[in-house]
Amino acid sequence: MFGFPKSGQDNIRDDEEEQLKRAARVILAFSDEQIDQLVASGQFEEVSQDGEKVPQ
């Protein structure tokens, strides 16, 4: 999944919006420990507000 500035891409399609909403529900249900494990395993990457990767 990636973020993009509104000026950089047209709107997403309805099916893409639904997929993103489903993914968000799953991810938002993760515990802090689960997120830490995903970051540690390289499956998730923590990024700062300006889009830079946060050093581990």
Protein backbone atom coordinates (compact mmCIF):
# COMPACT_ATOMS: atom_id res chain seq x y z
CA MET A 1 0.00 0.00 0.00
CA PHE A 2 1.22 3.49 -0.65
CA GLY A 3 0.10 7.04 -0.09
CA PHE A 4 0.15 9.74 -2.71
CA PRO A 5 -0.58 13.44 -2.89
CA LYS A 6 -3.98 14.23 -4.35
CA SER A 7 -2.28 16.23 -7.09
CA GLY A 8 -0.19 13.19 -8.04
CA GLN A 9 -2.94 10.77 -9.02
CA ASP A 10 -6.61 10.73 -9.96
CA ASN A 11 -9.17 9.39 -7.53
CA ILE A 12 -9.06 5.71 -6.73
CA ARG A 13 -11.69 3.39 -8.18
CA ASP A 14 -14.62 2.20 -6.05
CA ASP A 15 -13.21 -1.34 -5.86
CA GLU A 16 -9.83 0.03 -4.71
CA GLU A 17 -11.55 2.10 -2.03
CA GLU A 18 -13.37 -0.96 -0.71
CA GLN A 19 -10.13 -2.99 -0.63
CA LEU A 20 -8.35 -0.21 1.26
CA LYS A 21 -11.19 0.03 3.78
CA ARG A 22 -11.02 -3.73 4.39
CA ALA A 23 -7.25 -3.58 4.83
CA ALA A 24 -7.57 -0.63 7.21
CA ARG A 25 -10.07 -2.51 9.40
CA VAL A 26 -7.64 -5.43 9.70
CA ILE A 27 -4.57 -3.28 10.36
CA LEU A 28 -6.32 -1.02 12.88
CA ALA A 29 -7.26 -4.12 14.89
CA PHE A 30 -3.60 -5.12 15.36
CA SER A 31 -2.12 -4.75 18.82
CA ASP A 32 1.05 -2.70 19.38
CA GLU A 33 2.92 -5.96 19.81
CA GLN A 34 1.68 -7.31 16.47
CA ILE A 35 2.72 -4.11 14.71
CA ASP A 36 6.15 -4.25 16.36
CA GLN A 37 6.56 -7.83 15.12
CA LEU A 38 5.56 -6.87 11.58
CA VAL A 39 8.04 -3.97 11.58
CA ALA A 40 10.80 -6.19 13.02
CA SER A 41 10.19 -8.84 10.35
CA GLY A 42 10.29 -6.27 7.55
CA GLN A 43 6.66 -6.83 6.54
CA PHE A 44 5.75 -3.30 7.70
CA GLU A 45 7.87 -0.15 7.51
CA GLU A 46 7.48 2.74 9.89
CA VAL A 47 7.59 6.12 8.18
CA SER A 48 7.57 9.63 9.57
CA GLN A 49 4.97 12.23 8.72
CA ASP A 50 7.21 13.61 5.96
CA GLY A 51 7.44 10.16 4.36
CA GLU A 52 10.95 9.32 5.50
CA LYS A 53 11.63 5.83 6.82
CA VAL A 54 12.09 5.82 10.60
CA PRO A 55 15.42 4.19 11.60
CA GLN A 56 15.04 1.05 13.72
